[in-house]
Amino acid sequence: MYKQLMSLQQLSRRTISSSARRQVDNMVKEKQKLFQADNGIPVHLKGGAKDAILYRLTMALTVFGSGFVVYELLNAAMPKKA
């Protein structure tokens, strides 16, 4: 049991210490320039195509949900006669 624990400890130490550190570029300045540019695009769409798709999906779900709520309220307000 002790031998297994020691080998696990050595393995974990080896994987942690031998992992290469990645250099991550600081993209804050570029993002600030992108989002602060005065180009007539709303800030919630300046991120590109992914933002546009998310915005349209959110609007579609909102319209569908609102319509469904109104339908269910009308259905509850006017029950069917038995």
PDB file of N, CA and C in Angstrom:
ATOM      1  N   MET A   1       0.824  -1.188   0.000  1.00  0.00           N
ATOM      2  CA  MET A   1       0.000   0.000   0.000  1.00  0.00           C
ATOM      3  C   MET A   1       0.870   1.254   0.000  1.00  0.00           C
ATOM      4  N   TYR A   2       1.914   1.234   0.846  1.00  0.00           N
ATOM      5  CA  TYR A   2       2.807   2.384   0.944  1.00  0.00           C
ATOM      6  C   TYR A   2       3.558   2.613  -0.360  1.00  0.00           C
ATOM      7  N   LYS A   3       3.956   1.533  -1.011  1.00  0.00           N
ATOM      8  CA  LYS A   3       4.698   1.632  -2.269  1.00  0.00           C
ATOM      9  C   LYS A   3       3.817   2.260  -3.359  1.00  0.00           C
ATOM     10  N   GLN A   4       2.544   1.867  -3.396  1.00  0.00           N
ATOM     11  CA  GLN A   4       1.628   2.427  -4.376  1.00  0.00           C
ATOM     12  C   GLN A   4       1.409   3.920  -4.138  1.00  0.00           C
ATOM     13  N   LEU A   5       1.313   4.286  -2.897  1.00  0.00           N
ATOM     14  CA  LEU A   5       1.117   5.692  -2.548  1.00  0.00           C
ATOM     15  C   LEU A   5       2.332   6.525  -2.949  1.00  0.00           C
ATOM     16  N   MET A   6       3.518   5.987  -2.718  1.00  0.00           N
ATOM     17  CA  MET A   6       4.743   6.701  -3.086  1.00  0.00           C
ATOM     18  C   MET A   6       4.865   6.846  -4.601  1.00  0.00           C
ATOM     19  N   SER A   7       4.517   5.795  -5.349  1.00  0.00           N
ATOM     20  CA  SER A   7       4.611   5.888  -6.808  1.00  0.00           C
ATOM     21  C   SER A   7       3.589   6.889  -7.345  1.00  0.00           C
ATOM     22  N   LEU A   8       2.415   6.941  -6.751  1.00  0.00           N
ATOM     23  CA  LEU A   8       1.410   7.918  -7.153  1.00  0.00           C
ATOM     24  C   LEU A   8       1.880   9.339  -6.849  1.00  0.00           C
ATOM     25  N   GLN A   9       2.532   9.507  -5.716  1.00  0.00           N
ATOM     26  CA  GLN A   9       3.046  10.823  -5.341  1.00  0.00           C
ATOM     27  C   GLN A   9       4.141  11.260  -6.314  1.00  0.00           C
ATOM     28  N   GLN A  10       5.034  10.345  -6.684  1.00  0.00           N
ATOM     29  CA  GLN A  10       6.100  10.671  -7.630  1.00  0.00           C
ATOM     30  C   GLN A  10       5.520  11.006  -8.997  1.00  0.00           C
ATOM     31  N   LEU A  11       4.517  10.247  -9.421  1.00  0.00           N
ATOM     32  CA  LEU A  11       3.892  10.490 -10.712  1.00  0.00           C
ATOM     33  C   LEU A  11       3.217  11.862 -10.741  1.00  0.00           C
ATOM     34  N   SER A  12       2.513  12.207  -9.671  1.00  0.00           N
ATOM     35  CA  SER A  12       1.843  13.504  -9.643  1.00  0.00           C
ATOM     36  C   SER A  12       2.859  14.642  -9.611  1.00  0.00           C
ATOM     37  N   ARG A  13       3.944  14.460  -8.889  1.00  0.00           N
ATOM     38  CA  ARG A  13       4.978  15.479  -8.832  1.00  0.00           C
ATOM     39  C   ARG A  13       5.632  15.661 -10.203  1.00  0.00           C
ATOM     40  N   ARG A  14       5.865  14.560 -10.886  1.00  0.00           N
ATOM     41  CA  ARG A  14       6.517  14.607 -12.187  1.00  0.00           C
ATOM     42  C   ARG A  14       5.633  15.308 -13.219  1.00  0.00           C
ATOM     43  N   THR A  15       4.329  14.999 -13.227  1.00  0.00           N
ATOM     44  CA  THR A  15       3.452  15.619 -14.221  1.00  0.00           C
ATOM     45  C   THR A  15       3.254  17.097 -13.954  1.00  0.00           C
ATOM     46  N   ILE A  16       3.222  17.482 -12.694  1.00  0.00           N
ATOM     47  CA  ILE A  16       3.034  18.898 -12.379  1.00  0.00           C
ATOM     48  C   ILE A  16       4.302  19.690 -12.682  1.00  0.00           C
ATOM     49  N   SER A  17       5.455  19.176 -12.284  1.00  0.00           N
ATOM     50  CA  SER A  17       6.686  19.935 -12.458  1.00  0.00           C
ATOM     51  C   SER A  17       7.174  19.928 -13.901  1.00  0.00           C
ATOM     52  N   SER A  18       6.805  18.927 -14.682  1.00  0.00           N
ATOM     53  CA  SER A  18       7.306  18.865 -16.052  1.00  0.00           C
ATOM     54  C   SER A  18       6.353  19.498 -17.062  1.00  0.00           C
ATOM     55  N   SER A  19       5.221  19.988 -16.594  1.00  0.00           N
ATOM     56  CA  SER A  19       4.285  20.596 -17.534  1.00  0.00           C
ATOM     57  C   SER A  19       4.846  21.925 -18.023  1.00  0.00           C
ATOM     58  N   ALA A  20       4.772  22.133 -19.310  1.00  0.00           N
ATOM     59  CA  ALA A  20       5.310  23.358 -19.896  1.00  0.00           C
ATOM     60  C   ALA A  20       4.345  24.502 -19.648  1.00  0.00           C
ATOM     61  N   ARG A  21       4.891  25.654 -19.333  1.00  0.00           N
ATOM     62  CA  ARG A  21       4.049  26.829 -19.138  1.00  0.00           C
ATOM     63  C   ARG A  21       3.803  27.485 -20.480  1.00  0.00           C
ATOM     64  N   ARG A  22       2.561  27.787 -20.739  1.00  0.00           N
ATOM     65  CA  ARG A  22       2.206  28.446 -21.992  1.00  0.00           C
ATOM     66  C   ARG A  22       2.272  29.952 -21.816  1.00  0.00           C
ATOM     67  N   GLN A  23       2.735  30.608 -22.836  1.00  0.00           N
ATOM     68  CA  GLN A  23       2.738  32.057 -22.828  1.00  0.00           C
ATOM     69  C   GLN A  23       1.412  32.527 -23.422  1.00  0.00           C
ATOM     70  N   VAL A  24       0.674  33.278 -22.661  1.00  0.00           N
ATOM     71  CA  VAL A  24      -0.608  33.792 -23.114  1.00  0.00           C
ATOM     72  C   VAL A  24      -0.442  35.271 -23.432  1.00  0.00           C
ATOM     73  N   ASP A  25      -0.829  35.645 -24.632  1.00  0.00           N
ATOM     74  CA  ASP A  25      -0.718  37.038 -25.025  1.00  0.00           C
ATOM     75  C   ASP A  25      -1.821  37.858 -24.366  1.00  0.00           C
ATOM     76  N   ASN A  26      -1.484  39.058 -23.975  1.00  0.00           N
ATOM     77  CA  ASN A  26      -2.452  39.957 -23.375  1.00  0.00           C
ATOM     78  C   ASN A  26      -3.249  40.623 -24.502  1.00  0.00           C
ATOM     79  N   MET A  27      -4.540  40.275 -24.599  1.00  0.00           N
ATOM     80  CA  MET A  27      -5.388  40.764 -25.682  1.00  0.00           C
ATOM     81  C   MET A  27      -6.288  41.919 -25.241  1.00  0.00           C
ATOM     82  N   VAL A  28      -6.067  42.435 -24.043  1.00  0.00           N
ATOM     83  CA  VAL A  28      -6.963  43.456 -23.501  1.00  0.00           C
ATOM     84  C   VAL A  28      -6.943  44.721 -24.358  1.00  0.00           C
ATOM     85  N   LYS A  29      -5.781  45.182 -24.753  1.00  0.00           N
ATOM     86  CA  LYS A  29      -5.691  46.426 -25.540  1.00  0.00           C
ATOM     87  C   LYS A  29      -6.420  46.288 -26.873  1.00  0.00           C
ATOM     88  N   GLU A  30      -6.261  45.136 -27.538  1.00  0.00           N
ATOM     89  CA  GLU A  30      -6.944  44.929 -28.822  1.00  0.00           C
ATOM     90  C   GLU A  30      -8.455  44.870 -28.635  1.00  0.00           C
ATOM     91  N   LYS A  31      -8.898  44.203 -27.572  1.00  0.00           N
ATOM     92  CA  LYS A  31     -10.337  44.122 -27.295  1.00  0.00           C
ATOM     93  C   LYS A  31     -10.901  45.495 -26.951  1.00  0.00           C
ATOM     94  N   GLN A  32     -10.147  46.298 -26.215  1.00  0.00           N
ATOM     95  CA  GLN A  32     -10.603  47.647 -25.887  1.00  0.00           C
ATOM     96  C   GLN A  32     -10.765  48.479 -27.149  1.00  0.00           C
ATOM     97  N   LYS A  33      -9.810  48.383 -28.060  1.00  0.00           N
ATOM     98  CA  LYS A  33      -9.908  49.123 -29.319  1.00  0.00           C
ATOM     99  C   LYS A  33     -11.128  48.657 -30.118  1.00  0.00           C
ATOM    100  N   LEU A  34     -11.359  47.355 -30.141  1.00  0.00           N
ATOM    101  CA  LEU A  34     -12.492  46.805 -30.881  1.00  0.00           C
ATOM    102  C   LEU A  34     -13.819  47.295 -30.323  1.00  0.00           C
ATOM    103  N   PHE A  35     -13.968  47.235 -29.002  1.00  0.00           N
ATOM    104  CA  PHE A  35     -15.250  47.575 -28.392  1.00  0.00           C
ATOM    105  C   PHE A  35     -15.463  49.082 -28.255  1.00  0.00           C
ATOM    106  N   GLN A  36     -14.398  49.882 -28.279  1.00  0.00           N
ATOM    107  CA  GLN A  36     -14.541  51.327 -28.154  1.00  0.00           C
ATOM    108  C   GLN A  36     -14.589  52.038 -29.496  1.00  0.00           C
ATOM    109  N   ALA A  37     -14.410  51.293 -30.587  1.00  0.00           N
ATOM    110  CA  ALA A  37     -14.432  51.910 -31.912  1.00  0.00           C
ATOM    111  C   ALA A  37     -15.828  52.461 -32.204  1.00  0.00           C
ATOM    112  N   ASP A  38     -15.885  53.664 -32.761  1.00  0.00           N
ATOM    113  CA  ASP A  38     -17.163  54.296 -33.092  1.00  0.00           C
ATOM    114  C   ASP A  38     -17.510  53.950 -34.542  1.00  0.00           C
ATOM    115  N   ASN A  39     -18.093  52.765 -34.732  1.00  0.00           N
ATOM    116  CA  ASN A  39     -18.421  52.318 -36.085  1.00  0.00           C
ATOM    117  C   ASN A  39     -19.920  52.053 -36.274  1.00  0.00           C
ATOM    118  N   GLY A  40     -20.735  52.493 -35.349  1.00  0.00           N
ATOM    119  CA  GLY A  40     -22.176  52.368 -35.497  1.00  0.00           C
ATOM    120  C   GLY A  40     -22.747  51.009 -35.112  1.00  0.00           C
ATOM    121  N   ILE A  41     -21.901  50.069 -34.743  1.00  0.00           N
ATOM    122  CA  ILE A  41     -22.375  48.740 -34.340  1.00  0.00           C
ATOM    123  C   ILE A  41     -22.634  48.764 -32.836  1.00  0.00           C
ATOM    124  N   PRO A  42     -23.788  48.239 -32.400  1.00  0.00           N
ATOM    125  CA  PRO A  42     -24.049  48.179 -30.955  1.00  0.00           C
ATOM    126  C   PRO A  42     -22.985  47.335 -30.244  1.00  0.00           C
ATOM    127  N   VAL A  43     -22.700  47.662 -29.009  1.00  0.00           N
ATOM    128  CA  VAL A  43     -21.620  47.000 -28.285  1.00  0.00           C
ATOM    129  C   VAL A  43     -21.887  45.502 -28.109  1.00  0.00           C
ATOM    130  N   HIS A  44     -23.168  45.099 -28.033  1.00  0.00           N
ATOM    131  CA  HIS A  44     -23.459  43.680 -27.843  1.00  0.00           C
ATOM    132  C   HIS A  44     -23.281  42.875 -29.122  1.00  0.00           C
ATOM    133  N   LEU A  45     -22.983  43.523 -30.250  1.00  0.00           N
ATOM    134  CA  LEU A  45     -22.742  42.813 -31.504  1.00  0.00           C
ATOM    135  C   LEU A  45     -21.314  42.991 -32.019  1.00  0.00           C
ATOM    136  N   LYS A  46     -20.480  43.705 -31.302  1.00  0.00           N
ATOM    137  CA  LYS A  46     -19.127  43.979 -31.776  1.00  0.00           C
ATOM    138  C   LYS A  46     -18.205  42.766 -31.701  1.00  0.00           C
ATOM    139  N   GLY A  47     -18.618  41.716 -31.037  1.00  0.00           N
ATOM    140  CA  GLY A  47     -17.779  40.531 -30.903  1.00  0.00           C
ATOM    141  C   GLY A  47     -17.705  39.682 -32.158  1.00  0.00           C
ATOM    142  N   GLY A  48     -18.557  39.937 -33.129  1.00  0.00           N
ATOM    143  CA  GLY A  48     -18.491  39.193 -34.378  1.00  0.00           C
ATOM    144  C   GLY A  48     -19.716  38.324 -34.608  1.00  0.00           C
ATOM    145  N   ALA A  49     -19.527  37.290 -35.430  1.00  0.00           N
ATOM    146  CA  ALA A  49     -20.640  36.433 -35.843  1.00  0.00           C
ATOM    147  C   ALA A  49     -21.232  35.657 -34.669  1.00  0.00           C
ATOM    148  N   LYS A  50     -20.388  35.243 -33.738  1.00  0.00           N
ATOM    149  CA  LYS A  50     -20.892  34.482 -32.587  1.00  0.00           C
ATOM    150  C   LYS A  50     -21.845  35.335 -31.755  1.00  0.00           C
ATOM    151  N   ASP A  51     -21.511  36.601 -31.571  1.00  0.00           N
ATOM    152  CA  ASP A  51     -22.402  37.501 -30.832  1.00  0.00           C
ATOM    153  C   ASP A  51     -23.720  37.707 -31.564  1.00  0.00           C
ATOM    154  N   ALA A  52     -23.666  37.820 -32.896  1.00  0.00           N
ATOM    155  CA  ALA A  52     -24.890  38.016 -33.675  1.00  0.00           C
ATOM    156  C   ALA A  52     -25.794  36.794 -33.577  1.00  0.00           C
ATOM    157  N   ILE A  53     -25.201  35.599 -33.626  1.00  0.00           N
ATOM    158  CA  ILE A  53     -25.998  34.370 -33.526  1.00  0.00           C
ATOM    159  C   ILE A  53     -26.625  34.265 -32.141  1.00  0.00           C
ATOM    160  N   LEU A  54     -25.846  34.544 -31.099  1.00  0.00           N
ATOM    161  CA  LEU A  54     -26.386  34.488 -29.738  1.00  0.00           C
ATOM    162  C   LEU A  54     -27.493  35.514 -29.531  1.00  0.00           C
ATOM    163  N   TYR A  55     -27.316  36.711 -30.102  1.00  0.00           N
ATOM    164  CA  TYR A  55     -28.331  37.750 -29.977  1.00  0.00           C
ATOM    165  C   TYR A  55     -29.629  37.316 -30.661  1.00  0.00           C
ATOM    166  N   ARG A  56     -29.523  36.796 -31.883  1.00  0.00           N
ATOM    167  CA  ARG A  56     -30.723  36.370 -32.605  1.00  0.00           C
ATOM    168  C   ARG A  56     -31.404  35.190 -31.923  1.00  0.00           C
ATOM    169  N   LEU A  57     -30.632  34.254 -31.406  1.00  0.00           N
ATOM    170  CA  LEU A  57     -31.204  33.121 -30.682  1.00  0.00           C
ATOM    171  C   LEU A  57     -31.932  33.595 -29.430  1.00  0.00           C
ATOM    172  N   THR A  58     -31.327  34.533 -28.710  1.00  0.00           N
ATOM    173  CA  THR A  58     -31.957  35.074 -27.504  1.00  0.00           C
ATOM    174  C   THR A  58     -33.263  35.789 -27.843  1.00  0.00           C
ATOM    175  N   MET A  59     -33.262  36.582 -28.910  1.00  0.00           N
ATOM    176  CA  MET A  59     -34.479  37.286 -29.311  1.00  0.00           C
ATOM    177  C   MET A  59     -35.568  36.307 -29.756  1.00  0.00           C
ATOM    178  N   ALA A  60     -35.190  35.267 -30.504  1.00  0.00           N
ATOM    179  CA  ALA A  60     -36.168  34.274 -30.951  1.00  0.00           C
ATOM    180  C   ALA A  60     -36.785  33.545 -29.760  1.00  0.00           C
ATOM    181  N   LEU A  61     -35.957  33.151 -28.793  1.00  0.00           N
ATOM    182  CA  LEU A  61     -36.488  32.481 -27.600  1.00  0.00           C
ATOM    183  C   LEU A  61     -37.377  33.403 -26.783  1.00  0.00           C
ATOM    184  N   THR A  62     -37.022  34.688 -26.727  1.00  0.00           N
ATOM    185  CA  THR A  62     -37.834  35.660 -25.987  1.00  0.00           C
ATOM    186  C   THR A  62     -39.200  35.829 -26.640  1.00  0.00           C
ATOM    187  N   VAL A  63     -39.231  35.975 -27.965  1.00  0.00           N
ATOM    188  CA  VAL A  63     -40.499  36.142 -28.682  1.00  0.00           C
ATOM    189  C   VAL A  63     -41.347  34.882 -28.555  1.00  0.00           C
ATOM    190  N   PHE A  64     -40.717  33.722 -28.740  1.00  0.00           N
ATOM    191  CA  PHE A  64     -41.457  32.462 -28.615  1.00  0.00           C
ATOM    192  C   PHE A  64     -42.004  32.292 -27.199  1.00  0.00           C
ATOM    193  N   GLY A  65     -41.186  32.571 -26.192  1.00  0.00           N
ATOM    194  CA  GLY A  65     -41.622  32.431 -24.800  1.00  0.00           C
ATOM    195  C   GLY A  65     -42.747  33.382 -24.453  1.00  0.00           C
ATOM    196  N   SER A  66     -42.648  34.604 -24.928  1.00  0.00           N
ATOM    197  CA  SER A  66     -43.710  35.579 -24.657  1.00  0.00           C
ATOM    198  C   SER A  66     -45.015  35.161 -25.326  1.00  0.00           C
ATOM    199  N   GLY A  67     -44.930  34.707 -26.554  1.00  0.00           N
ATOM    200  CA  GLY A  67     -46.128  34.225 -27.252  1.00  0.00           C
ATOM    201  C   GLY A  67     -46.754  33.030 -26.555  1.00  0.00           C
ATOM    202  N   PHE A  68     -45.923  32.132 -26.080  1.00  0.00           N
ATOM    203  CA  PHE A  68     -46.429  30.949 -25.384  1.00  0.00           C
ATOM    204  C   PHE A  68     -47.101  31.326 -24.068  1.00  0.00           C
ATOM    205  N   VAL A  69     -46.544  32.299 -23.363  1.00  0.00           N
ATOM    206  CA  VAL A  69     -47.140  32.758 -22.101  1.00  0.00           C
ATOM    207  C   VAL A  69     -48.510  33.383 -22.370  1.00  0.00           C
ATOM    208  N   VAL A  70     -48.608  34.210 -23.402  1.00  0.00           N
ATOM    209  CA  VAL A  70     -49.896  34.827 -23.741  1.00  0.00           C
ATOM    210  C   VAL A  70     -50.906  33.757 -24.125  1.00  0.00           C
ATOM    211  N   TYR A  71     -50.480  32.761 -24.906  1.00  0.00           N
ATOM    212  CA  TYR A  71     -51.369  31.659 -25.297  1.00  0.00           C
ATOM    213  C   TYR A  71     -51.880  30.910 -24.072  1.00  0.00           C
ATOM    214  N   GLU A  72     -50.984  30.582 -23.165  1.00  0.00           N
ATOM    215  CA  GLU A  72     -51.397  29.840 -21.962  1.00  0.00           C
ATOM    216  C   GLU A  72     -52.295  30.686 -21.054  1.00  0.00           C
ATOM    217  N   LEU A  73     -52.032  31.982 -20.966  1.00  0.00           N
ATOM    218  CA  LEU A  73     -52.906  32.844 -20.161  1.00  0.00           C
ATOM    219  C   LEU A  73     -54.308  32.914 -20.760  1.00  0.00           C
ATOM    220  N   LEU A  74     -54.393  33.049 -22.095  1.00  0.00           N
ATOM    221  CA  LEU A  74     -55.703  33.045 -22.729  1.00  0.00           C
ATOM    222  C   LEU A  74     -56.398  31.703 -22.573  1.00  0.00           C
ATOM    223  N   ASN A  75     -55.647  30.643 -22.666  1.00  0.00           N
ATOM    224  CA  ASN A  75     -56.204  29.291 -22.495  1.00  0.00           C
ATOM    225  C   ASN A  75     -56.733  29.101 -21.070  1.00  0.00           C
ATOM    226  N   ALA A  76     -56.020  29.638 -20.063  1.00  0.00           N
ATOM    227  CA  ALA A  76     -56.473  29.523 -18.681  1.00  0.00           C
ATOM    228  C   ALA A  76     -57.658  30.454 -18.394  1.00  0.00           C
ATOM    229  N   ALA A  77     -57.710  31.598 -19.079  1.00  0.00           N
ATOM    230  CA  ALA A  77     -58.785  32.559 -18.842  1.00  0.00           C
ATOM    231  C   ALA A  77     -60.097  32.097 -19.444  1.00  0.00           C
ATOM    232  N   MET A  78     -60.035  31.317 -20.510  1.00  0.00           N
ATOM    233  CA  MET A  78     -61.233  30.823 -21.183  1.00  0.00           C
ATOM    234  C   MET A  78     -61.241  29.305 -21.196  1.00  0.00           C
ATOM    235  N   PRO A  79     -61.636  28.688 -20.080  1.00  0.00           N
ATOM    236  CA  PRO A  79     -61.622  27.214 -20.036  1.00  0.00           C
ATOM    237  C   PRO A  79     -62.658  26.625 -20.987  1.00  0.00           C
ATOM    238  N   LYS A  80     -62.370  25.437 -21.422  1.00  0.00           N
ATOM    239  CA  LYS A  80     -63.280  24.741 -22.346  1.00  0.00           C
ATOM    240  C   LYS A  80     -64.532  24.302 -21.590  1.00  0.00           C
ATOM    241  N   LYS A  81     -65.701  24.390 -22.245  1.00  0.00           N
ATOM    242  CA  LYS A  81     -66.946  23.968 -21.623  1.00  0.00           C
ATOM    243  C   LYS A  81     -67.049  22.457 -21.684  1.00  0.00           C
ATOM    244  N   ALA A  82     -67.485  21.856 -20.601  1.00  0.00           N
ATOM    245  CA  ALA A  82     -67.588  20.391 -20.544  1.00  0.00           C
ATOM    246  C   ALA A  82     -68.898  19.886 -21.087  1.00  0.00           C
TER     247      ALA A  82
END
